[in-house]
Each structure stands twice: as structure tokens, then as C-alpha cells.
Amino acid sequence: MLRQIADPRKKGYVIYETEITLFTRILACIFHINSMRSMTDNFNRQTVIDNIYKILGNDDLFELPHYDTINNFLCRLGLKELENIVKKLVVKLIRMRSFETSRIFDKYWQILIDGTGTYNCDEEHSEHCLTKTYKKGTQEEYTIYYHYVLEAKLVFLEI
């Protein structure tokens, strides 16, 4: 599915295929690597590179994309592309009946809904920022700008 994503980059400048760029970032999330710099430092080891290329069936490159390359790619990529992949994966898993043993009373899916913060900073960066002011009315008063999202998660237990 990652190979099917339309690449928004200019063809002459592309070194890393779409699936390599996205898969590298997905693995960083799976392994709880929070900073892009840490991802580059931890993943550019020969064993990791060999394993990623074996998984993706591509062995012609000798290093993984730098975090700036991944960031630039993600900035140009439309969110709809990634949302469609997530949707396709969930549909495929449901059709494969992967979650059947996790149904409640053998009938209902368990879905958790969670509101969580995704980003905060000291300066307003968009018109959609929420704000929180601390130490109001004092000389130390300051405001933070942030965003929240509402997420729904399908829960399953392996029995």
C-alpha cells in the first residue's frame, strides 16, 4: 500500500522511494523514537538498513533517508493519502476476521475515543490554535498555543 501513494516530489531529485521514506517513519513511531534526529542516528546502522530493505524487497540502497528528507516528504504529502492507507488496513484486518476473538459478547467492537494534545508552542502558528494563559495578571504571565485531536481506536485482545 505504501508503494501506491502518489509521490509529491520532483522525480529527478528522488533518491528514496516513497515506501522506504514512510516505512522508516512508521518504524520510528513503533519503537517510540520521538525525535527525528534520534531516528536518523538509531536507524542508520547496517543491520537495521538490511532488515528494512529485506522487508520491503529492496536491497539497492546503503542508507536510510535523513530526517530532513522525511520531514520534507511528509510536508508535501497530502494527509488524505495516509488516512486512506489506515482505512484500507483496518478494512483488510476486519475482512480477514483478525479481530473476531476480541468482540464483546461475540457481537460488538470495542472502540476507545480519546482526546489528546498534538502540538504546543510559545507562538501562535495558525488561526486554529487554542490558547492557555498562565499566571494571569502578573508580570510572569505567558500564553501557550496548542492543538487537540479526537482519536478513535479499535481495541482487540489476542487470546
N, C-alpha and C. Protein backbone atom coordinates (compact mmCIF):
# COMPACT_ATOMS: atom_id res chain seq x y z
N MET A 1 0.82 -1.20 0.00
CA MET A 1 0.00 0.00 0.00
C MET A 1 0.86 1.26 0.00
N LEU A 2 2.00 1.20 0.67
CA LEU A 2 2.87 2.37 0.71
C LEU A 2 3.42 2.70 -0.67
N ARG A 3 3.61 1.67 -1.49
CA ARG A 3 4.11 1.89 -2.85
C ARG A 3 3.08 2.60 -3.73
N GLN A 4 1.81 2.51 -3.39
CA GLN A 4 0.75 3.08 -4.21
C GLN A 4 0.52 4.57 -3.96
N ILE A 5 1.16 5.12 -2.94
CA ILE A 5 0.98 6.54 -2.62
C ILE A 5 1.66 7.39 -3.69
N ALA A 6 0.95 8.37 -4.18
CA ALA A 6 1.50 9.28 -5.19
C ALA A 6 2.63 10.10 -4.58
N ASP A 7 3.77 10.09 -5.21
CA ASP A 7 4.95 10.80 -4.71
C ASP A 7 4.85 12.27 -5.13
N PRO A 8 4.79 13.21 -4.17
CA PRO A 8 4.65 14.63 -4.50
C PRO A 8 5.97 15.31 -4.89
N ARG A 9 7.07 14.58 -4.85
CA ARG A 9 8.38 15.18 -5.10
C ARG A 9 8.71 15.18 -6.60
N LYS A 10 9.66 16.03 -6.97
CA LYS A 10 10.12 16.07 -8.36
C LYS A 10 10.94 14.81 -8.62
N LYS A 11 10.64 14.13 -9.70
CA LYS A 11 11.24 12.83 -10.00
C LYS A 11 12.76 12.85 -10.05
N GLY A 12 13.35 13.90 -10.58
CA GLY A 12 14.80 13.96 -10.71
C GLY A 12 15.55 14.06 -9.40
N TYR A 13 14.86 14.46 -8.33
CA TYR A 13 15.51 14.66 -7.04
C TYR A 13 15.29 13.51 -6.06
N VAL A 14 14.52 12.51 -6.45
CA VAL A 14 14.14 11.44 -5.54
C VAL A 14 15.25 10.40 -5.46
N ILE A 15 15.73 10.16 -4.25
CA ILE A 15 16.71 9.11 -4.00
C ILE A 15 16.03 7.92 -3.34
N TYR A 16 15.16 8.20 -2.36
CA TYR A 16 14.49 7.15 -1.59
C TYR A 16 13.05 7.02 -2.06
N GLU A 17 12.65 5.79 -2.32
CA GLU A 17 11.28 5.54 -2.76
C GLU A 17 10.29 5.90 -1.64
N THR A 18 9.06 6.13 -2.02
CA THR A 18 8.01 6.51 -1.08
C THR A 18 7.90 5.52 0.07
N GLU A 19 7.88 4.22 -0.25
CA GLU A 19 7.68 3.22 0.80
C GLU A 19 8.83 3.19 1.79
N ILE A 20 10.05 3.46 1.34
CA ILE A 20 11.20 3.48 2.25
C ILE A 20 11.09 4.68 3.20
N THR A 21 10.74 5.81 2.65
CA THR A 21 10.60 7.02 3.46
C THR A 21 9.51 6.86 4.51
N LEU A 22 8.35 6.37 4.10
CA LEU A 22 7.24 6.21 5.05
C LEU A 22 7.49 5.08 6.04
N PHE A 23 8.04 3.97 5.57
CA PHE A 23 8.29 2.83 6.45
C PHE A 23 9.30 3.19 7.54
N THR A 24 10.30 3.98 7.19
CA THR A 24 11.28 4.43 8.18
C THR A 24 10.60 5.23 9.28
N ARG A 25 9.70 6.12 8.89
CA ARG A 25 9.00 6.94 9.88
C ARG A 25 8.03 6.11 10.71
N ILE A 26 7.36 5.15 10.08
CA ILE A 26 6.44 4.27 10.80
C ILE A 26 7.20 3.47 11.86
N LEU A 27 8.35 2.94 11.49
CA LEU A 27 9.15 2.18 12.46
C LEU A 27 9.59 3.05 13.64
N ALA A 28 9.92 4.29 13.36
CA ALA A 28 10.31 5.20 14.45
C ALA A 28 9.15 5.36 15.44
N CYS A 29 7.93 5.44 14.94
CA CYS A 29 6.77 5.54 15.83
C CYS A 29 6.57 4.25 16.62
N ILE A 30 6.71 3.12 15.95
CA ILE A 30 6.54 1.83 16.61
C ILE A 30 7.55 1.66 17.76
N PHE A 31 8.79 2.09 17.53
CA PHE A 31 9.84 1.95 18.53
C PHE A 31 9.95 3.15 19.47
N HIS A 32 8.94 4.01 19.44
CA HIS A 32 8.86 5.17 20.35
C HIS A 32 10.09 6.07 20.27
N ILE A 33 10.57 6.27 19.07
CA ILE A 33 11.67 7.21 18.86
C ILE A 33 11.02 8.56 18.58
N ASN A 34 11.14 9.46 19.53
CA ASN A 34 10.38 10.71 19.48
C ASN A 34 10.99 11.80 18.63
N SER A 35 12.29 11.83 18.51
CA SER A 35 12.88 12.91 17.72
C SER A 35 13.36 12.36 16.39
N MET A 36 13.24 13.19 15.37
CA MET A 36 13.67 12.79 14.03
C MET A 36 15.19 12.57 14.00
N ARG A 37 15.91 13.37 14.74
CA ARG A 37 17.37 13.22 14.79
C ARG A 37 17.75 11.87 15.40
N SER A 38 17.04 11.47 16.46
CA SER A 38 17.31 10.16 17.08
C SER A 38 17.00 9.03 16.11
N MET A 39 15.95 9.22 15.31
CA MET A 39 15.60 8.21 14.32
C MET A 39 16.76 8.02 13.34
N THR A 40 17.29 9.11 12.83
CA THR A 40 18.41 9.02 11.89
C THR A 40 19.61 8.36 12.55
N ASP A 41 19.93 8.77 13.78
CA ASP A 41 21.08 8.22 14.49
C ASP A 41 20.92 6.73 14.78
N ASN A 42 19.72 6.32 15.21
CA ASN A 42 19.49 4.93 15.58
C ASN A 42 19.30 3.99 14.40
N PHE A 43 18.73 4.48 13.33
CA PHE A 43 18.39 3.60 12.21
C PHE A 43 19.49 3.45 11.18
N ASN A 44 20.40 4.37 11.08
CA ASN A 44 21.44 4.25 10.05
C ASN A 44 22.58 3.36 10.53
N ARG A 45 22.19 2.13 10.82
CA ARG A 45 23.13 1.06 11.16
C ARG A 45 22.89 -0.04 10.14
N GLN A 46 23.93 -0.74 9.78
CA GLN A 46 23.83 -1.70 8.69
C GLN A 46 22.78 -2.78 8.93
N THR A 47 22.67 -3.28 10.15
CA THR A 47 21.69 -4.32 10.45
C THR A 47 20.27 -3.82 10.23
N VAL A 48 19.98 -2.63 10.71
CA VAL A 48 18.65 -2.03 10.54
C VAL A 48 18.36 -1.81 9.06
N ILE A 49 19.32 -1.25 8.35
CA ILE A 49 19.15 -0.98 6.92
C ILE A 49 18.89 -2.28 6.17
N ASP A 50 19.67 -3.31 6.45
CA ASP A 50 19.48 -4.61 5.78
C ASP A 50 18.10 -5.17 6.04
N ASN A 51 17.65 -5.10 7.29
CA ASN A 51 16.33 -5.65 7.64
C ASN A 51 15.19 -4.88 6.98
N ILE A 52 15.29 -3.57 6.96
CA ILE A 52 14.23 -2.77 6.32
C ILE A 52 14.16 -3.07 4.83
N TYR A 53 15.29 -3.15 4.20
CA TYR A 53 15.28 -3.43 2.76
C TYR A 53 14.83 -4.85 2.46
N LYS A 54 15.11 -5.81 3.36
CA LYS A 54 14.60 -7.17 3.17
C LYS A 54 13.08 -7.19 3.27
N ILE A 55 12.54 -6.47 4.26
CA ILE A 55 11.08 -6.40 4.44
C ILE A 55 10.42 -5.79 3.22
N LEU A 56 11.02 -4.74 2.69
CA LEU A 56 10.42 -4.03 1.56
C LEU A 56 10.81 -4.63 0.20
N GLY A 57 11.71 -5.62 0.21
CA GLY A 57 12.12 -6.24 -1.04
C GLY A 57 12.97 -5.34 -1.90
N ASN A 58 13.79 -4.53 -1.26
CA ASN A 58 14.62 -3.57 -1.99
C ASN A 58 16.00 -3.58 -1.34
N ASP A 59 17.02 -3.98 -2.08
CA ASP A 59 18.36 -4.06 -1.48
C ASP A 59 19.41 -3.23 -2.23
N ASP A 60 18.96 -2.23 -2.95
CA ASP A 60 19.92 -1.46 -3.77
C ASP A 60 20.41 -0.18 -3.11
N LEU A 61 19.97 0.14 -1.90
CA LEU A 61 20.45 1.35 -1.22
C LEU A 61 21.27 0.97 0.00
N PHE A 62 22.13 1.86 0.41
CA PHE A 62 23.05 1.56 1.50
C PHE A 62 22.79 2.38 2.76
N GLU A 63 21.81 3.27 2.73
CA GLU A 63 21.46 4.04 3.93
C GLU A 63 19.99 4.42 3.88
N LEU A 64 19.48 4.85 5.02
CA LEU A 64 18.08 5.28 5.12
C LEU A 64 18.01 6.79 4.98
N PRO A 65 16.83 7.30 4.66
CA PRO A 65 16.70 8.75 4.49
C PRO A 65 16.99 9.51 5.78
N HIS A 66 17.58 10.66 5.62
CA HIS A 66 17.85 11.59 6.71
C HIS A 66 16.52 12.18 7.18
N TYR A 67 16.46 12.62 8.44
CA TYR A 67 15.20 13.14 8.97
C TYR A 67 14.71 14.37 8.21
N ASP A 68 15.61 15.19 7.66
CA ASP A 68 15.17 16.33 6.86
C ASP A 68 14.46 15.87 5.59
N THR A 69 14.96 14.80 4.99
CA THR A 69 14.33 14.24 3.80
C THR A 69 12.92 13.75 4.13
N ILE A 70 12.79 13.06 5.26
CA ILE A 70 11.48 12.54 5.67
C ILE A 70 10.53 13.69 5.98
N ASN A 71 11.02 14.70 6.70
CA ASN A 71 10.17 15.86 7.02
C ASN A 71 9.70 16.57 5.76
N ASN A 72 10.60 16.80 4.83
CA ASN A 72 10.23 17.47 3.57
C ASN A 72 9.20 16.66 2.80
N PHE A 73 9.38 15.35 2.78
CA PHE A 73 8.43 14.47 2.11
C PHE A 73 7.05 14.56 2.76
N LEU A 74 7.02 14.47 4.10
CA LEU A 74 5.74 14.49 4.81
C LEU A 74 5.04 15.84 4.68
N CYS A 75 5.80 16.92 4.60
CA CYS A 75 5.20 18.25 4.42
C CYS A 75 4.50 18.36 3.07
N ARG A 76 5.01 17.67 2.07
CA ARG A 76 4.42 17.74 0.72
C ARG A 76 3.31 16.72 0.51
N LEU A 77 3.32 15.68 1.30
CA LEU A 77 2.35 14.60 1.14
C LEU A 77 1.00 15.01 1.70
N GLY A 78 -0.05 14.75 0.99
CA GLY A 78 -1.39 15.06 1.48
C GLY A 78 -1.81 14.09 2.57
N LEU A 79 -2.46 14.60 3.59
CA LEU A 79 -2.92 13.76 4.69
C LEU A 79 -3.93 12.72 4.23
N LYS A 80 -4.70 13.04 3.23
CA LYS A 80 -5.70 12.10 2.71
C LYS A 80 -5.05 10.80 2.27
N GLU A 81 -3.85 10.89 1.70
CA GLU A 81 -3.14 9.69 1.25
C GLU A 81 -2.90 8.74 2.43
N LEU A 82 -2.42 9.28 3.54
CA LEU A 82 -2.14 8.46 4.71
C LEU A 82 -3.42 7.97 5.37
N GLU A 83 -4.42 8.83 5.43
CA GLU A 83 -5.70 8.43 6.01
C GLU A 83 -6.31 7.27 5.22
N ASN A 84 -6.19 7.30 3.91
CA ASN A 84 -6.72 6.21 3.09
C ASN A 84 -6.01 4.89 3.36
N ILE A 85 -4.71 4.95 3.62
CA ILE A 85 -3.96 3.73 3.93
C ILE A 85 -4.44 3.13 5.24
N VAL A 86 -4.61 3.98 6.25
CA VAL A 86 -5.09 3.50 7.55
C VAL A 86 -6.46 2.85 7.38
N LYS A 87 -7.32 3.52 6.64
CA LYS A 87 -8.67 2.98 6.40
C LYS A 87 -8.60 1.63 5.69
N LYS A 88 -7.77 1.52 4.66
CA LYS A 88 -7.63 0.26 3.92
C LYS A 88 -7.10 -0.86 4.82
N LEU A 89 -6.15 -0.52 5.69
CA LEU A 89 -5.58 -1.52 6.59
C LEU A 89 -6.63 -2.05 7.57
N VAL A 90 -7.42 -1.15 8.13
CA VAL A 90 -8.46 -1.57 9.08
C VAL A 90 -9.50 -2.43 8.37
N VAL A 91 -9.93 -2.02 7.18
CA VAL A 91 -10.91 -2.81 6.42
C VAL A 91 -10.34 -4.20 6.12
N LYS A 92 -9.09 -4.25 5.73
CA LYS A 92 -8.46 -5.54 5.41
C LYS A 92 -8.40 -6.44 6.64
N LEU A 93 -8.02 -5.88 7.78
CA LEU A 93 -7.95 -6.68 9.01
C LEU A 93 -9.33 -7.17 9.43
N ILE A 94 -10.34 -6.35 9.26
CA ILE A 94 -11.71 -6.77 9.61
C ILE A 94 -12.17 -7.88 8.66
N ARG A 95 -11.91 -7.72 7.38
CA ARG A 95 -12.31 -8.75 6.41
C ARG A 95 -11.56 -10.07 6.63
N MET A 96 -10.33 -9.97 7.12
CA MET A 96 -9.56 -11.18 7.42
C MET A 96 -10.04 -11.80 8.74
N ARG A 97 -10.96 -11.13 9.39
CA ARG A 97 -11.53 -11.58 10.67
C ARG A 97 -10.46 -11.65 11.77
N SER A 98 -9.50 -10.74 11.69
CA SER A 98 -8.40 -10.71 12.65
C SER A 98 -8.85 -10.35 14.06
N PHE A 99 -9.96 -9.66 14.18
CA PHE A 99 -10.40 -9.17 15.49
C PHE A 99 -11.58 -9.96 16.06
N GLU A 100 -11.96 -11.06 15.45
CA GLU A 100 -13.17 -11.78 15.86
C GLU A 100 -13.16 -12.19 17.31
N THR A 101 -12.02 -12.64 17.81
CA THR A 101 -11.96 -13.10 19.21
C THR A 101 -12.02 -11.93 20.19
N SER A 102 -11.94 -10.72 19.70
CA SER A 102 -11.96 -9.54 20.58
C SER A 102 -13.33 -8.89 20.68
N ARG A 103 -14.32 -9.43 19.99
CA ARG A 103 -15.66 -8.84 20.07
C ARG A 103 -16.23 -9.02 21.47
N ILE A 104 -16.97 -8.04 21.93
CA ILE A 104 -17.64 -8.11 23.22
C ILE A 104 -18.97 -8.85 23.00
N PHE A 105 -19.21 -9.88 23.79
CA PHE A 105 -20.40 -10.73 23.64
C PHE A 105 -20.49 -11.31 22.23
N ASP A 106 -19.34 -11.53 21.61
CA ASP A 106 -19.26 -12.07 20.25
C ASP A 106 -20.03 -11.24 19.23
N LYS A 107 -20.27 -9.97 19.55
CA LYS A 107 -21.09 -9.15 18.66
C LYS A 107 -20.51 -7.76 18.41
N TYR A 108 -20.02 -7.09 19.45
CA TYR A 108 -19.68 -5.68 19.36
C TYR A 108 -18.17 -5.45 19.30
N TRP A 109 -17.78 -4.43 18.53
CA TRP A 109 -16.39 -3.99 18.51
C TRP A 109 -16.18 -3.05 19.68
N GLN A 110 -14.99 -3.09 20.26
CA GLN A 110 -14.65 -2.16 21.32
C GLN A 110 -13.86 -1.01 20.71
N ILE A 111 -14.37 0.19 20.85
CA ILE A 111 -13.70 1.37 20.30
C ILE A 111 -13.47 2.35 21.44
N LEU A 112 -12.25 2.79 21.59
CA LEU A 112 -11.91 3.80 22.59
C LEU A 112 -11.80 5.15 21.90
N ILE A 113 -12.34 6.16 22.53
CA ILE A 113 -12.27 7.52 21.98
C ILE A 113 -11.46 8.35 22.97
N ASP A 114 -10.48 9.07 22.43
CA ASP A 114 -9.55 9.78 23.29
C ASP A 114 -9.22 11.14 22.69
N GLY A 115 -9.30 12.17 23.50
CA GLY A 115 -8.84 13.49 23.10
C GLY A 115 -7.43 13.68 23.59
N THR A 116 -6.56 14.14 22.74
CA THR A 116 -5.16 14.29 23.14
C THR A 116 -4.53 15.50 22.48
N GLY A 117 -3.53 16.07 23.12
CA GLY A 117 -2.80 17.19 22.56
C GLY A 117 -1.79 16.70 21.54
N THR A 118 -1.65 17.43 20.45
CA THR A 118 -0.71 17.01 19.42
C THR A 118 0.47 17.96 19.29
N TYR A 119 0.28 19.21 19.68
CA TYR A 119 1.34 20.19 19.41
C TYR A 119 1.14 21.39 20.33
N ASN A 120 2.22 21.92 20.88
CA ASN A 120 2.12 23.19 21.60
C ASN A 120 3.40 23.98 21.40
N CYS A 121 3.26 25.31 21.49
CA CYS A 121 4.42 26.18 21.32
C CYS A 121 4.16 27.53 21.97
N ASP A 122 5.16 28.39 21.96
CA ASP A 122 5.07 29.69 22.60
C ASP A 122 4.47 30.77 21.72
N GLU A 123 4.37 30.49 20.41
CA GLU A 123 3.86 31.49 19.47
C GLU A 123 2.69 30.92 18.69
N GLU A 124 1.75 31.78 18.34
CA GLU A 124 0.63 31.36 17.52
C GLU A 124 1.13 31.05 16.11
N HIS A 125 0.81 29.87 15.61
CA HIS A 125 1.28 29.49 14.29
C HIS A 125 0.14 29.26 13.30
N SER A 126 -1.10 29.30 13.78
CA SER A 126 -2.24 29.21 12.86
C SER A 126 -3.46 29.84 13.54
N GLU A 127 -4.45 30.12 12.75
CA GLU A 127 -5.67 30.73 13.28
C GLU A 127 -6.50 29.74 14.09
N HIS A 128 -6.15 28.46 14.04
CA HIS A 128 -6.91 27.43 14.72
C HIS A 128 -6.33 27.06 16.08
N CYS A 129 -5.30 27.76 16.52
CA CYS A 129 -4.66 27.45 17.80
C CYS A 129 -5.61 27.70 18.96
N LEU A 130 -5.59 26.80 19.92
CA LEU A 130 -6.22 27.02 21.20
C LEU A 130 -5.17 27.68 22.09
N THR A 131 -5.60 28.41 23.12
CA THR A 131 -4.64 29.09 23.98
C THR A 131 -4.91 28.80 25.45
N LYS A 132 -3.86 28.87 26.23
CA LYS A 132 -3.96 28.75 27.67
C LYS A 132 -3.00 29.77 28.26
N THR A 133 -3.49 30.63 29.13
CA THR A 133 -2.66 31.68 29.75
C THR A 133 -2.39 31.31 31.20
N TYR A 134 -1.14 31.40 31.60
CA TYR A 134 -0.72 31.09 32.96
C TYR A 134 -0.28 32.35 33.68
N LYS A 135 -0.41 32.33 35.00
CA LYS A 135 0.00 33.43 35.87
C LYS A 135 -0.64 34.75 35.42
N LYS A 136 -1.93 34.67 35.10
CA LYS A 136 -2.67 35.82 34.58
C LYS A 136 -2.63 37.00 35.56
N GLY A 137 -2.41 38.17 35.02
CA GLY A 137 -2.40 39.39 35.83
C GLY A 137 -1.09 39.67 36.53
N THR A 138 -0.07 38.85 36.31
CA THR A 138 1.23 39.08 36.93
C THR A 138 2.26 39.42 35.84
N GLN A 139 3.44 39.81 36.28
CA GLN A 139 4.50 40.11 35.31
C GLN A 139 5.02 38.86 34.62
N GLU A 140 4.80 37.69 35.23
CA GLU A 140 5.25 36.42 34.64
C GLU A 140 4.20 35.80 33.72
N GLU A 141 3.14 36.52 33.40
CA GLU A 141 2.07 35.97 32.57
C GLU A 141 2.62 35.52 31.21
N TYR A 142 2.18 34.34 30.80
CA TYR A 142 2.56 33.84 29.47
C TYR A 142 1.44 32.97 28.92
N THR A 143 1.44 32.83 27.61
CA THR A 143 0.42 32.08 26.92
C THR A 143 1.06 30.98 26.09
N ILE A 144 0.45 29.80 26.10
CA ILE A 144 0.89 28.75 25.20
C ILE A 144 -0.21 28.51 24.16
N TYR A 145 0.19 28.08 23.01
CA TYR A 145 -0.72 27.81 21.89
C TYR A 145 -0.65 26.31 21.61
N TYR A 146 -1.80 25.68 21.40
CA TYR A 146 -1.80 24.24 21.26
C TYR A 146 -2.94 23.76 20.37
N HIS A 147 -2.88 22.47 20.02
CA HIS A 147 -3.90 21.80 19.22
C HIS A 147 -4.29 20.50 19.90
N TYR A 148 -5.56 20.15 19.82
CA TYR A 148 -6.05 18.86 20.29
C TYR A 148 -6.69 18.12 19.14
N VAL A 149 -6.67 16.80 19.22
CA VAL A 149 -7.37 15.96 18.25
C VAL A 149 -8.21 14.95 19.02
N LEU A 150 -9.24 14.46 18.37
CA LEU A 150 -10.07 13.40 18.91
C LEU A 150 -9.77 12.15 18.10
N GLU A 151 -9.35 11.10 18.79
CA GLU A 151 -8.97 9.86 18.11
C GLU A 151 -9.92 8.74 18.51
N ALA A 152 -10.22 7.87 17.56
CA ALA A 152 -10.98 6.66 17.85
C ALA A 152 -10.06 5.48 17.57
N LYS A 153 -9.99 4.56 18.52
CA LYS A 153 -9.10 3.41 18.37
C LYS A 153 -9.88 2.12 18.52
N LEU A 154 -9.69 1.23 17.58
CA LEU A 154 -10.30 -0.09 17.61
C LEU A 154 -9.42 -0.95 18.52
N VAL A 155 -10.02 -1.56 19.54
CA VAL A 155 -9.26 -2.32 20.52
C VAL A 155 -9.50 -3.81 20.30
N PHE A 156 -8.41 -4.57 20.31
CA PHE A 156 -8.57 -6.01 20.26
C PHE A 156 -7.54 -6.66 21.16
N LEU A 157 -7.92 -7.78 21.71
CA LEU A 157 -7.06 -8.53 22.59
C LEU A 157 -6.73 -9.86 21.92
N GLU A 158 -5.51 -10.25 22.02
CA GLU A 158 -5.13 -11.54 21.45
C GLU A 158 -5.29 -12.58 22.53
N ILE A 159 -6.09 -13.56 22.25
CA ILE A 159 -6.37 -14.60 23.23
C ILE A 159 -5.65 -15.87 22.86
